[in-house]
Amino acid sequence: MEEFKTPGKNKENFANKEEIRYKGKIFEVISEPVEIDGKTFNFEKVRRSPGVRYPLIITKKNAS
């Protein structure tokens, strides 16, 4: 089992590099670089506004 390694200075460089790819009324898509085992990957996540719930779409086919 590997020892837990505290994040180095390199992680601090990536911490504030969020880029907003799309911004709408309900949510925004954010791209964030993450370093894993020396490789850099771009992760995308969705951030929604406070009070927004995901809509529940019910069609006649699904209604009971």
C-alpha atoms as a PDB file:
ATOM      1  CA  MET A   1       0.000   0.000   0.000  1.00  0.00           C
ATOM      2  CA  GLU A   2       1.349   3.404  -0.961  1.00  0.00           C
ATOM      3  CA  GLU A   3       1.876   6.203   1.491  1.00  0.00           C
ATOM      4  CA  PHE A   4      -0.389   9.210   1.231  1.00  0.00           C
ATOM      5  CA  LYS A   5       1.546  12.018  -0.421  1.00  0.00           C
ATOM      6  CA  THR A   6       0.629  15.589   0.314  1.00  0.00           C
ATOM      7  CA  PRO A   7      -0.041  17.681  -2.774  1.00  0.00           C
ATOM      8  CA  GLY A   8       2.991  19.575  -3.967  1.00  0.00           C
ATOM      9  CA  LYS A   9       3.403  23.010  -5.428  1.00  0.00           C
ATOM     10  CA  ASN A  10       2.348  21.693  -8.818  1.00  0.00           C
ATOM     11  CA  LYS A  11      -1.220  21.185  -7.611  1.00  0.00           C
ATOM     12  CA  GLU A  12      -1.404  24.845  -6.594  1.00  0.00           C
ATOM     13  CA  ASN A  13      -0.667  25.829 -10.186  1.00  0.00           C
ATOM     14  CA  PHE A  14      -3.758  23.970 -11.385  1.00  0.00           C
ATOM     15  CA  ALA A  15      -6.092  24.960  -8.538  1.00  0.00           C
ATOM     16  CA  ASN A  16      -7.403  28.203 -10.043  1.00  0.00           C
ATOM     17  CA  LYS A  17      -7.377  27.306 -13.731  1.00  0.00           C
ATOM     18  CA  GLU A  18     -11.079  26.650 -14.140  1.00  0.00           C
ATOM     19  CA  GLU A  19     -12.393  27.693 -17.532  1.00  0.00           C
ATOM     20  CA  ILE A  20     -16.096  28.273 -18.130  1.00  0.00           C
ATOM     21  CA  ARG A  21     -16.967  26.534 -21.407  1.00  0.00           C
ATOM     22  CA  TYR A  22     -20.699  27.288 -21.410  1.00  0.00           C
ATOM     23  CA  LYS A  23     -22.850  29.515 -19.227  1.00  0.00           C
ATOM     24  CA  GLY A  24     -26.633  29.518 -19.272  1.00  0.00           C
ATOM     25  CA  LYS A  25     -29.510  30.407 -16.958  1.00  0.00           C
ATOM     26  CA  ILE A  26     -29.667  27.003 -15.273  1.00  0.00           C
ATOM     27  CA  PHE A  27     -26.068  25.740 -15.264  1.00  0.00           C
ATOM     28  CA  GLU A  28     -22.510  26.305 -16.471  1.00  0.00           C
ATOM     29  CA  VAL A  29     -19.977  23.790 -17.816  1.00  0.00           C
ATOM     30  CA  ILE A  30     -16.501  24.143 -16.334  1.00  0.00           C
ATOM     31  CA  SER A  31     -13.265  22.636 -17.650  1.00  0.00           C
ATOM     32  CA  GLU A  32     -10.527  22.084 -15.073  1.00  0.00           C
ATOM     33  CA  PRO A  33      -7.021  20.628 -15.595  1.00  0.00           C
ATOM     34  CA  VAL A  34      -6.160  17.827 -13.140  1.00  0.00           C
ATOM     35  CA  GLU A  35      -2.785  16.135 -12.760  1.00  0.00           C
ATOM     36  CA  ILE A  36      -2.773  12.385 -12.079  1.00  0.00           C
ATOM     37  CA  ASP A  37       0.514  10.443 -11.940  1.00  0.00           C
ATOM     38  CA  GLY A  38       2.352  13.195 -13.799  1.00  0.00           C
ATOM     39  CA  LYS A  39      -0.185  13.374 -16.637  1.00  0.00           C
ATOM     40  CA  THR A  40      -2.566  16.293 -17.111  1.00  0.00           C
ATOM     41  CA  PHE A  41      -6.218  15.639 -17.942  1.00  0.00           C
ATOM     42  CA  ASN A  42      -9.044  18.119 -18.542  1.00  0.00           C
ATOM     43  CA  PHE A  43     -12.096  17.254 -16.453  1.00  0.00           C
ATOM     44  CA  GLU A  44     -15.443  18.845 -17.206  1.00  0.00           C
ATOM     45  CA  LYS A  45     -18.103  19.368 -14.574  1.00  0.00           C
ATOM     46  CA  VAL A  46     -21.458  21.078 -14.408  1.00  0.00           C
ATOM     47  CA  ARG A  47     -22.186  23.692 -11.770  1.00  0.00           C
ATOM     48  CA  ARG A  48     -25.802  24.696 -11.304  1.00  0.00           C
ATOM     49  CA  SER A  49     -27.276  27.809  -9.781  1.00  0.00           C
ATOM     50  CA  PRO A  50     -28.616  27.659  -6.215  1.00  0.00           C
ATOM     51  CA  GLY A  51     -32.226  26.527  -6.054  1.00  0.00           C
ATOM     52  CA  VAL A  52     -32.181  24.779  -9.433  1.00  0.00           C
ATOM     53  CA  ARG A  53     -33.516  21.234  -9.526  1.00  0.00           C
ATOM     54  CA  TYR A  54     -33.172  18.823 -12.383  1.00  0.00           C
ATOM     55  CA  PRO A  55     -36.472  18.569 -14.253  1.00  0.00           C
ATOM     56  CA  LEU A  56     -38.468  15.367 -14.150  1.00  0.00           C
ATOM     57  CA  ILE A  57     -39.893  14.719 -17.587  1.00  0.00           C
ATOM     58  CA  ILE A  58     -42.929  12.448 -17.620  1.00  0.00           C
ATOM     59  CA  THR A  59     -44.358  11.326 -20.923  1.00  0.00           C
ATOM     60  CA  LYS A  60     -47.664   9.516 -21.410  1.00  0.00           C
ATOM     61  CA  LYS A  61     -45.723   6.346 -22.083  1.00  0.00           C
ATOM     62  CA  ASN A  62     -44.120   6.468 -18.603  1.00  0.00           C
ATOM     63  CA  ALA A  63     -47.118   7.819 -16.682  1.00  0.00           C
ATOM     64  CA  SER A  64     -48.966   5.379 -14.468  1.00  0.00           C
END
